[in-house]
Amino acid sequence: MKKYLILFLFFCLGATALADHRITMRTTMAESGMEGFKMTQVTLTKGKRQRVEDITEVAGHKIVQVRLVMCDTEQEASLDPEAKIYTVRSLLPGNLEGATDPDRELKEGTGTIKTHVKVQDKGAEKVAGHDARHWILDTDTSGSGCIGEFAYSSQREIWTADLPTFNCPILSGQWAESTFDGCKVKNEVTGDVSLFNQALSRQVVKEIFYQDGKKMMTRELVEYSTAELDSTLFSLEGYRKVSQAEFDKASQERMMRMYSN
């Protein structure tokens, strides 16, 4: 579970949103047996909101999952565009998957998330047709107190280019203290903090994730556009809020219809 928290945090890191933009990244998994999967992520950004469409193609079928990251309300919604329903959750750190035991509610009190970062600047390179800079980021994160006890390490290799990107402080670690369900959490970041922020101040055009020292997945830029985006793509208007159980049921029924055809 913790590796998905890492991916979620890193997918949302960035700098100031300078303009509407659309970015398409192609994902390649390093694990054997995943060769038949084609995974693409299309991310659309407008102001303080980001629409993320994860597309998985396998055996002639296409599965699309849509998320709306609403930094202005510190929430994330999972959308079902077909059924016009959605679920919503907080973007606060205590509610991120993997940070705490999902079967245990947070306790009231105080807690701490500590992150130590190490950054290597590997210099300038040309990637996906853009002038980019190559970085290696090592991160050690731990939690204690009411946030729960957890610890994990990660390594990420990234190439960044001077393109508009998305900024959401609560996701990028640019926060000092937050309270969630009575749990008051302090966020402490140490190490090469200035260099870390510099590395993540531009758009990622290629990245490699490692798990236990082994390459886990590679994401590469295949398309980038700064054309103006329709504001309705970033709105919940016309959708009905439902429970997670109802949302999951609708998703399962759609999957069954797809595979029965």
C-alpha atoms as a PDB file:
ATOM      1  CA  MET A   1       0.000   0.000   0.000  1.00  0.00           C
ATOM      2  CA  LYS A   2       2.792   2.432   0.856  1.00  0.00           C
ATOM      3  CA  LYS A   3       4.236   2.415  -2.665  1.00  0.00           C
ATOM      4  CA  TYR A   4       0.926   3.797  -3.975  1.00  0.00           C
ATOM      5  CA  LEU A   5       1.160   6.664  -1.489  1.00  0.00           C
ATOM      6  CA  ILE A   6       4.614   7.411  -2.906  1.00  0.00           C
ATOM      7  CA  LEU A   7       3.311   7.383  -6.485  1.00  0.00           C
ATOM      8  CA  PHE A   8       0.329   9.544  -5.571  1.00  0.00           C
ATOM      9  CA  LEU A   9       2.521  12.166  -3.934  1.00  0.00           C
ATOM     10  CA  PHE A  10       5.051  12.266  -6.759  1.00  0.00           C
ATOM     11  CA  PHE A  11       2.452  12.438  -9.558  1.00  0.00           C
ATOM     12  CA  CYS A  12       1.157  15.659  -8.024  1.00  0.00           C
ATOM     13  CA  LEU A  13       4.428  17.460  -7.299  1.00  0.00           C
ATOM     14  CA  GLY A  14       5.141  20.584  -9.259  1.00  0.00           C
ATOM     15  CA  ALA A  15       5.495  24.352  -9.416  1.00  0.00           C
ATOM     16  CA  THR A  16       3.300  27.313 -10.259  1.00  0.00           C
ATOM     17  CA  ALA A  17       0.466  26.734 -12.722  1.00  0.00           C
ATOM     18  CA  LEU A  18       1.238  29.321 -15.401  1.00  0.00           C
ATOM     19  CA  ALA A  19      -1.382  28.314 -17.984  1.00  0.00           C
ATOM     20  CA  ASP A  20      -3.890  25.642 -18.965  1.00  0.00           C
ATOM     21  CA  HIS A  21      -2.034  22.582 -20.106  1.00  0.00           C
ATOM     22  CA  ARG A  22      -2.516  18.957 -21.084  1.00  0.00           C
ATOM     23  CA  ILE A  23       0.188  16.340 -20.701  1.00  0.00           C
ATOM     24  CA  THR A  24       0.169  12.706 -21.790  1.00  0.00           C
ATOM     25  CA  MET A  25       2.591  10.255 -20.182  1.00  0.00           C
ATOM     26  CA  ARG A  26       3.109   6.635 -21.275  1.00  0.00           C
ATOM     27  CA  THR A  27       3.928   4.111 -18.539  1.00  0.00           C
ATOM     28  CA  THR A  28       6.052   1.002 -18.944  1.00  0.00           C
ATOM     29  CA  MET A  29       6.205  -1.542 -16.115  1.00  0.00           C
ATOM     30  CA  ALA A  30       9.458  -3.353 -15.442  1.00  0.00           C
ATOM     31  CA  GLU A  31       7.792  -6.425 -13.930  1.00  0.00           C
ATOM     32  CA  SER A  32       7.576  -9.546 -16.090  1.00  0.00           C
ATOM     33  CA  GLY A  33       4.063 -10.470 -17.153  1.00  0.00           C
ATOM     34  CA  MET A  34       3.049  -6.847 -17.630  1.00  0.00           C
ATOM     35  CA  GLU A  35       4.104  -6.646 -21.280  1.00  0.00           C
ATOM     36  CA  GLY A  36       0.511  -6.859 -22.528  1.00  0.00           C
ATOM     37  CA  PHE A  37      -0.620  -3.848 -20.539  1.00  0.00           C
ATOM     38  CA  LYS A  38      -0.641  -0.426 -22.157  1.00  0.00           C
ATOM     39  CA  MET A  39      -0.936   2.349 -19.590  1.00  0.00           C
ATOM     40  CA  THR A  40      -1.365   6.026 -20.365  1.00  0.00           C
ATOM     41  CA  GLN A  41      -2.026   8.964 -18.062  1.00  0.00           C
ATOM     42  CA  VAL A  42      -3.589  12.132 -19.452  1.00  0.00           C
ATOM     43  CA  THR A  43      -3.386  15.071 -17.043  1.00  0.00           C
ATOM     44  CA  LEU A  44      -5.286  18.304 -17.668  1.00  0.00           C
ATOM     45  CA  THR A  45      -4.578  21.348 -15.519  1.00  0.00           C
ATOM     46  CA  LYS A  46      -6.553  24.554 -15.136  1.00  0.00           C
ATOM     47  CA  GLY A  47      -5.769  26.934 -12.276  1.00  0.00           C
ATOM     48  CA  LYS A  48      -5.914  25.097  -8.962  1.00  0.00           C
ATOM     49  CA  ARG A  49      -7.591  21.990 -10.368  1.00  0.00           C
ATOM     50  CA  GLN A  50      -6.218  18.976 -12.178  1.00  0.00           C
ATOM     51  CA  ARG A  51      -8.124  16.225 -14.000  1.00  0.00           C
ATOM     52  CA  VAL A  52      -6.243  12.927 -14.200  1.00  0.00           C
ATOM     53  CA  GLU A  53      -7.385  10.218 -16.612  1.00  0.00           C
ATOM     54  CA  ASP A  54      -5.646   6.856 -16.144  1.00  0.00           C
ATOM     55  CA  ILE A  55      -6.162   4.635 -19.184  1.00  0.00           C
ATOM     56  CA  THR A  56      -5.308   0.932 -19.103  1.00  0.00           C
ATOM     57  CA  GLU A  57      -5.605  -1.202 -22.241  1.00  0.00           C
ATOM     58  CA  VAL A  58      -5.419  -4.981 -22.010  1.00  0.00           C
ATOM     59  CA  ALA A  59      -6.753  -7.832 -24.157  1.00  0.00           C
ATOM     60  CA  GLY A  60      -8.609  -5.424 -26.426  1.00  0.00           C
ATOM     61  CA  HIS A  61     -10.391  -3.690 -23.542  1.00  0.00           C
ATOM     62  CA  LYS A  62      -9.919  -0.135 -22.296  1.00  0.00           C
ATOM     63  CA  ILE A  63     -10.391   0.846 -18.646  1.00  0.00           C
ATOM     64  CA  VAL A  64     -10.545   4.564 -17.830  1.00  0.00           C
ATOM     65  CA  GLN A  65     -10.352   5.918 -14.277  1.00  0.00           C
ATOM     66  CA  VAL A  66     -10.873   9.636 -13.691  1.00  0.00           C
ATOM     67  CA  ARG A  67      -9.782  11.721 -10.702  1.00  0.00           C
ATOM     68  CA  LEU A  68     -10.301  15.425 -10.056  1.00  0.00           C
ATOM     69  CA  VAL A  69      -7.673  16.971  -7.781  1.00  0.00           C
ATOM     70  CA  MET A  70      -9.197  20.119  -6.287  1.00  0.00           C
ATOM     71  CA  CYS A  71      -6.405  21.997  -4.570  1.00  0.00           C
ATOM     72  CA  ASP A  72      -8.749  24.953  -3.943  1.00  0.00           C
ATOM     73  CA  THR A  73     -10.901  22.806  -1.613  1.00  0.00           C
ATOM     74  CA  GLU A  74      -8.120  20.374  -0.538  1.00  0.00           C
ATOM     75  CA  GLN A  75     -10.144  17.438  -1.866  1.00  0.00           C
ATOM     76  CA  GLU A  76      -9.900  14.746  -4.517  1.00  0.00           C
ATOM     77  CA  ALA A  77     -12.943  13.292  -6.292  1.00  0.00           C
ATOM     78  CA  SER A  78     -13.143   9.972  -8.128  1.00  0.00           C
ATOM     79  CA  LEU A  79     -15.507  10.389 -11.098  1.00  0.00           C
ATOM     80  CA  ASP A  80     -17.690   7.988 -13.057  1.00  0.00           C
ATOM     81  CA  PRO A  81     -18.495  10.045 -16.192  1.00  0.00           C
ATOM     82  CA  GLU A  82     -20.864   7.342 -17.500  1.00  0.00           C
ATOM     83  CA  ALA A  83     -23.044   7.102 -14.381  1.00  0.00           C
ATOM     84  CA  LYS A  84     -22.483  10.780 -13.467  1.00  0.00           C
ATOM     85  CA  ILE A  85     -21.554   9.926  -9.879  1.00  0.00           C
ATOM     86  CA  TYR A  86     -18.541  10.686  -7.703  1.00  0.00           C
ATOM     87  CA  THR A  87     -16.935  10.095  -4.325  1.00  0.00           C
ATOM     88  CA  VAL A  88     -14.729  12.594  -2.547  1.00  0.00           C
ATOM     89  CA  ARG A  89     -11.958  12.451   0.019  1.00  0.00           C
ATOM     90  CA  SER A  90      -9.674  14.898   1.748  1.00  0.00           C
ATOM     91  CA  LEU A  91      -6.195  15.662   0.409  1.00  0.00           C
ATOM     92  CA  LEU A  92      -4.915  16.115   3.945  1.00  0.00           C
ATOM     93  CA  PRO A  93      -1.884  13.877   4.637  1.00  0.00           C
ATOM     94  CA  GLY A  94      -3.661  11.805   7.271  1.00  0.00           C
ATOM     95  CA  ASN A  95      -6.149  10.589   4.677  1.00  0.00           C
ATOM     96  CA  LEU A  96      -3.649   9.421   2.058  1.00  0.00           C
ATOM     97  CA  GLU A  97      -3.737   5.705   1.344  1.00  0.00           C
ATOM     98  CA  GLY A  98      -0.887   3.878   3.039  1.00  0.00           C
ATOM     99  CA  ALA A  99      -0.075   6.584   5.584  1.00  0.00           C
ATOM    100  CA  THR A 100      -2.148   4.871   8.281  1.00  0.00           C
ATOM    101  CA  ASP A 101      -3.878   1.577   8.889  1.00  0.00           C
ATOM    102  CA  PRO A 102      -6.993   1.839   6.619  1.00  0.00           C
ATOM    103  CA  ASP A 103      -9.071  -0.145   9.131  1.00  0.00           C
ATOM    104  CA  ARG A 104      -8.269   2.174  12.057  1.00  0.00           C
ATOM    105  CA  GLU A 105      -9.510   5.716  12.562  1.00  0.00           C
ATOM    106  CA  LEU A 106      -7.016   8.432  13.391  1.00  0.00           C
ATOM    107  CA  LYS A 107      -6.755   9.259  17.066  1.00  0.00           C
ATOM    108  CA  GLU A 108      -7.000  12.728  18.514  1.00  0.00           C
ATOM    109  CA  GLY A 109      -3.689  14.137  19.628  1.00  0.00           C
ATOM    110  CA  THR A 110      -0.429  15.070  17.952  1.00  0.00           C
ATOM    111  CA  GLY A 111       1.686  13.359  15.344  1.00  0.00           C
ATOM    112  CA  THR A 112       4.661  13.951  13.096  1.00  0.00           C
ATOM    113  CA  ILE A 113       5.638  13.135   9.530  1.00  0.00           C
ATOM    114  CA  LYS A 114       9.384  13.333   8.990  1.00  0.00           C
ATOM    115  CA  THR A 115      10.937  13.302   5.527  1.00  0.00           C
ATOM    116  CA  HIS A 116      14.649  13.338   4.735  1.00  0.00           C
ATOM    117  CA  VAL A 117      15.628  14.017   1.123  1.00  0.00           C
ATOM    118  CA  LYS A 118      18.879  13.494  -0.757  1.00  0.00           C
ATOM    119  CA  VAL A 119      19.262  14.983  -4.238  1.00  0.00           C
ATOM    120  CA  GLN A 120      21.801  14.389  -7.003  1.00  0.00           C
ATOM    121  CA  ASP A 121      22.005  16.833  -9.936  1.00  0.00           C
ATOM    122  CA  LYS A 122      23.125  14.808 -12.978  1.00  0.00           C
ATOM    123  CA  GLY A 123      23.182  17.729 -15.419  1.00  0.00           C
ATOM    124  CA  ALA A 124      21.394  18.756 -18.611  1.00  0.00           C
ATOM    125  CA  GLU A 125      20.030  16.294 -21.180  1.00  0.00           C
ATOM    126  CA  LYS A 126      17.637  16.300 -24.138  1.00  0.00           C
ATOM    127  CA  VAL A 127      14.454  14.313 -23.370  1.00  0.00           C
ATOM    128  CA  ALA A 128      11.253  14.018 -25.437  1.00  0.00           C
ATOM    129  CA  GLY A 129      12.373  16.948 -27.574  1.00  0.00           C
ATOM    130  CA  HIS A 130      12.847  19.263 -24.593  1.00  0.00           C
ATOM    131  CA  ASP A 131      15.930  20.623 -22.840  1.00  0.00           C
ATOM    132  CA  ALA A 132      15.763  18.872 -19.480  1.00  0.00           C
ATOM    133  CA  ARG A 133      17.712  18.422 -16.274  1.00  0.00           C
ATOM    134  CA  HIS A 134      18.378  14.974 -14.810  1.00  0.00           C
ATOM    135  CA  TRP A 135      17.914  14.402 -11.061  1.00  0.00           C
ATOM    136  CA  ILE A 136      18.041  11.457  -8.650  1.00  0.00           C
ATOM    137  CA  LEU A 137      15.844  11.835  -5.559  1.00  0.00           C
ATOM    138  CA  ASP A 138      16.156   9.610  -2.482  1.00  0.00           C
ATOM    139  CA  THR A 139      13.436  10.004   0.157  1.00  0.00           C
ATOM    140  CA  ASP A 140      13.045   8.498   3.634  1.00  0.00           C
ATOM    141  CA  THR A 141       9.675   9.146   5.285  1.00  0.00           C
ATOM    142  CA  SER A 142       8.322   8.113   8.681  1.00  0.00           C
ATOM    143  CA  GLY A 143       5.251   8.853  10.768  1.00  0.00           C
ATOM    144  CA  SER A 144       4.520   8.720  14.481  1.00  0.00           C
ATOM    145  CA  GLY A 145       1.860   9.658  17.007  1.00  0.00           C
ATOM    146  CA  CYS A 146      -1.796  10.008  16.072  1.00  0.00           C
ATOM    147  CA  ILE A 147      -0.977   9.845  12.334  1.00  0.00           C
ATOM    148  CA  GLY A 148       0.118   6.225  12.815  1.00  0.00           C
ATOM    149  CA  GLU A 149       3.454   4.438  12.781  1.00  0.00           C
ATOM    150  CA  PHE A 150       4.956   3.936   9.320  1.00  0.00           C
ATOM    151  CA  ALA A 151       8.263   4.187   7.499  1.00  0.00           C
ATOM    152  CA  TYR A 152       9.340   3.771   3.899  1.00  0.00           C
ATOM    153  CA  SER A 153      12.124   4.749   1.533  1.00  0.00           C
ATOM    154  CA  SER A 154      11.964   5.512  -2.159  1.00  0.00           C
ATOM    155  CA  GLN A 155      14.203   6.445  -5.060  1.00  0.00           C
ATOM    156  CA  ARG A 156      13.021   8.336  -8.088  1.00  0.00           C
ATOM    157  CA  GLU A 157      14.956   9.409 -11.163  1.00  0.00           C
ATOM    158  CA  ILE A 158      13.444  12.368 -13.010  1.00  0.00           C
ATOM    159  CA  TRP A 159      14.067  14.641 -15.978  1.00  0.00           C
ATOM    160  CA  THR A 160      12.386  18.070 -15.796  1.00  0.00           C
ATOM    161  CA  ALA A 161      11.836  20.753 -18.438  1.00  0.00           C
ATOM    162  CA  ASP A 162      10.844  24.417 -18.286  1.00  0.00           C
ATOM    163  CA  LEU A 163       7.127  23.929 -19.014  1.00  0.00           C
ATOM    164  CA  PRO A 164       3.993  25.025 -17.092  1.00  0.00           C
ATOM    165  CA  THR A 165       3.084  22.570 -14.356  1.00  0.00           C
ATOM    166  CA  PHE A 166       0.756  22.140 -11.362  1.00  0.00           C
ATOM    167  CA  ASN A 167       1.221  23.423  -7.829  1.00  0.00           C
ATOM    168  CA  CYS A 168      -0.706  22.089  -4.841  1.00  0.00           C
ATOM    169  CA  PRO A 169       1.192  22.794  -1.601  1.00  0.00           C
ATOM    170  CA  ILE A 170      -0.650  20.193   0.482  1.00  0.00           C
ATOM    171  CA  LEU A 171       0.469  17.455  -1.954  1.00  0.00           C
ATOM    172  CA  SER A 172       3.990  18.674  -2.626  1.00  0.00           C
ATOM    173  CA  GLY A 173       4.984  18.673   1.043  1.00  0.00           C
ATOM    174  CA  GLN A 174       4.995  22.488   1.257  1.00  0.00           C
ATOM    175  CA  TRP A 175       3.075  22.620   4.525  1.00  0.00           C
ATOM    176  CA  ALA A 176       4.133  22.855   8.155  1.00  0.00           C
ATOM    177  CA  GLU A 177       1.096  21.699  10.108  1.00  0.00           C
ATOM    178  CA  SER A 178      -2.381  20.274   9.434  1.00  0.00           C
ATOM    179  CA  THR A 179      -5.209  18.893  11.567  1.00  0.00           C
ATOM    180  CA  PHE A 180      -7.297  15.917  10.484  1.00  0.00           C
ATOM    181  CA  ASP A 181     -10.106  14.488  12.594  1.00  0.00           C
ATOM    182  CA  GLY A 182      -8.527  15.912  15.729  1.00  0.00           C
ATOM    183  CA  CYS A 183      -5.037  14.654  14.844  1.00  0.00           C
ATOM    184  CA  LYS A 184      -2.672  17.640  14.715  1.00  0.00           C
ATOM    185  CA  VAL A 185       0.246  16.726  12.465  1.00  0.00           C
ATOM    186  CA  LYS A 186       3.591  18.471  12.061  1.00  0.00           C
ATOM    187  CA  ASN A 187       5.494  18.041   8.805  1.00  0.00           C
ATOM    188  CA  GLU A 188       9.292  18.123   9.019  1.00  0.00           C
ATOM    189  CA  VAL A 189      11.503  18.001   5.915  1.00  0.00           C
ATOM    190  CA  THR A 190      15.285  17.830   6.205  1.00  0.00           C
ATOM    191  CA  GLY A 191      18.280  17.230   3.945  1.00  0.00           C
ATOM    192  CA  ASP A 192      18.726  18.774   0.483  1.00  0.00           C
ATOM    193  CA  VAL A 193      15.429  20.665   0.767  1.00  0.00           C
ATOM    194  CA  SER A 194      16.368  23.627  -1.443  1.00  0.00           C
ATOM    195  CA  LEU A 195      17.736  21.353  -4.161  1.00  0.00           C
ATOM    196  CA  PHE A 196      14.691  19.092  -3.836  1.00  0.00           C
ATOM    197  CA  ASN A 197      12.343  22.039  -4.415  1.00  0.00           C
ATOM    198  CA  GLN A 198      14.477  23.153  -7.345  1.00  0.00           C
ATOM    199  CA  ALA A 199      14.326  19.694  -8.898  1.00  0.00           C
ATOM    200  CA  LEU A 200      10.526  19.684  -8.670  1.00  0.00           C
ATOM    201  CA  SER A 201       9.995  23.279  -9.794  1.00  0.00           C
ATOM    202  CA  ARG A 202       9.535  22.296 -13.444  1.00  0.00           C
ATOM    203  CA  GLN A 203       7.472  19.797 -15.448  1.00  0.00           C
ATOM    204  CA  VAL A 204       8.565  16.154 -15.311  1.00  0.00           C
ATOM    205  CA  VAL A 205       9.057  14.807 -18.848  1.00  0.00           C
ATOM    206  CA  LYS A 206      10.483  11.425 -17.830  1.00  0.00           C
ATOM    207  CA  GLU A 207      10.695   9.535 -14.562  1.00  0.00           C
ATOM    208  CA  ILE A 208      11.785   6.157 -13.297  1.00  0.00           C
ATOM    209  CA  PHE A 209      10.512   4.729 -10.004  1.00  0.00           C
ATOM    210  CA  TYR A 210      12.525   2.184  -8.030  1.00  0.00           C
ATOM    211  CA  GLN A 211      11.327  -0.267  -5.383  1.00  0.00           C
ATOM    212  CA  ASP A 212      13.924  -1.911  -3.117  1.00  0.00           C
ATOM    213  CA  GLY A 213      16.651  -0.766  -5.501  1.00  0.00           C
ATOM    214  CA  LYS A 214      14.988  -2.293  -8.568  1.00  0.00           C
ATOM    215  CA  LYS A 215      13.345  -0.405 -11.415  1.00  0.00           C
ATOM    216  CA  MET A 216       9.570  -0.585 -10.948  1.00  0.00           C
ATOM    217  CA  MET A 217       8.188   1.612 -13.725  1.00  0.00           C
ATOM    218  CA  THR A 218       9.078   4.282 -16.258  1.00  0.00           C
ATOM    219  CA  ARG A 219       6.864   7.186 -17.348  1.00  0.00           C
ATOM    220  CA  GLU A 220       7.706   9.258 -20.433  1.00  0.00           C
ATOM    221  CA  LEU A 221       6.168  12.306 -22.081  1.00  0.00           C
ATOM    222  CA  VAL A 222       4.437  11.609 -25.402  1.00  0.00           C
ATOM    223  CA  GLU A 223       2.356  14.790 -25.814  1.00  0.00           C
ATOM    224  CA  TYR A 224       2.190  18.291 -24.317  1.00  0.00           C
ATOM    225  CA  SER A 225      -0.231  21.121 -25.120  1.00  0.00           C
ATOM    226  CA  THR A 226      -1.008  24.557 -23.670  1.00  0.00           C
ATOM    227  CA  ALA A 227      -4.322  25.018 -25.511  1.00  0.00           C
ATOM    228  CA  GLU A 228      -7.161  26.444 -23.404  1.00  0.00           C
ATOM    229  CA  LEU A 229      -9.228  23.744 -21.649  1.00  0.00           C
ATOM    230  CA  ASP A 230     -13.001  23.595 -21.116  1.00  0.00           C
ATOM    231  CA  SER A 231     -13.776  24.551 -17.504  1.00  0.00           C
ATOM    232  CA  THR A 232     -16.571  21.925 -17.300  1.00  0.00           C
ATOM    233  CA  LEU A 233     -13.872  19.217 -17.250  1.00  0.00           C
ATOM    234  CA  PHE A 234     -12.892  20.470 -13.790  1.00  0.00           C
ATOM    235  CA  SER A 235     -16.383  20.746 -12.298  1.00  0.00           C
ATOM    236  CA  LEU A 236     -18.627  18.351 -10.347  1.00  0.00           C
ATOM    237  CA  GLU A 237     -21.751  20.032 -11.696  1.00  0.00           C
ATOM    238  CA  GLY A 238     -24.174  17.426 -13.044  1.00  0.00           C
ATOM    239  CA  TYR A 239     -22.627  14.658 -10.909  1.00  0.00           C
ATOM    240  CA  ARG A 240     -24.239  13.047  -7.873  1.00  0.00           C
ATOM    241  CA  LYS A 241     -22.214  12.337  -4.729  1.00  0.00           C
ATOM    242  CA  VAL A 242     -22.480   8.693  -3.585  1.00  0.00           C
ATOM    243  CA  SER A 243     -20.911   6.385  -1.022  1.00  0.00           C
ATOM    244  CA  GLN A 244     -17.752   4.486  -1.841  1.00  0.00           C
ATOM    245  CA  ALA A 245     -19.767   1.244  -1.860  1.00  0.00           C
ATOM    246  CA  GLU A 246     -22.226   2.581  -4.468  1.00  0.00           C
ATOM    247  CA  PHE A 247     -19.376   3.947  -6.577  1.00  0.00           C
ATOM    248  CA  ASP A 248     -17.517   0.620  -6.476  1.00  0.00           C
ATOM    249  CA  LYS A 249     -20.685  -1.279  -7.391  1.00  0.00           C
ATOM    250  CA  ALA A 250     -21.231   0.904 -10.485  1.00  0.00           C
ATOM    251  CA  SER A 251     -17.599   0.390 -11.517  1.00  0.00           C
ATOM    252  CA  GLN A 252     -17.862  -3.394 -11.123  1.00  0.00           C
ATOM    253  CA  GLU A 253     -21.080  -3.541 -13.140  1.00  0.00           C
ATOM    254  CA  ARG A 254     -19.477  -1.540 -15.937  1.00  0.00           C
ATOM    255  CA  MET A 255     -16.481  -3.882 -15.954  1.00  0.00           C
ATOM    256  CA  MET A 256     -18.768  -6.928 -16.163  1.00  0.00           C
ATOM    257  CA  ARG A 257     -20.635  -5.422 -19.136  1.00  0.00           C
ATOM    258  CA  MET A 258     -17.357  -4.619 -20.875  1.00  0.00           C
ATOM    259  CA  TYR A 259     -15.910  -8.135 -20.503  1.00  0.00           C
ATOM    260  CA  SER A 260     -19.194  -9.831 -21.431  1.00  0.00           C
ATOM    261  CA  ASN A 261     -19.233  -8.132 -24.845  1.00  0.00           C
END
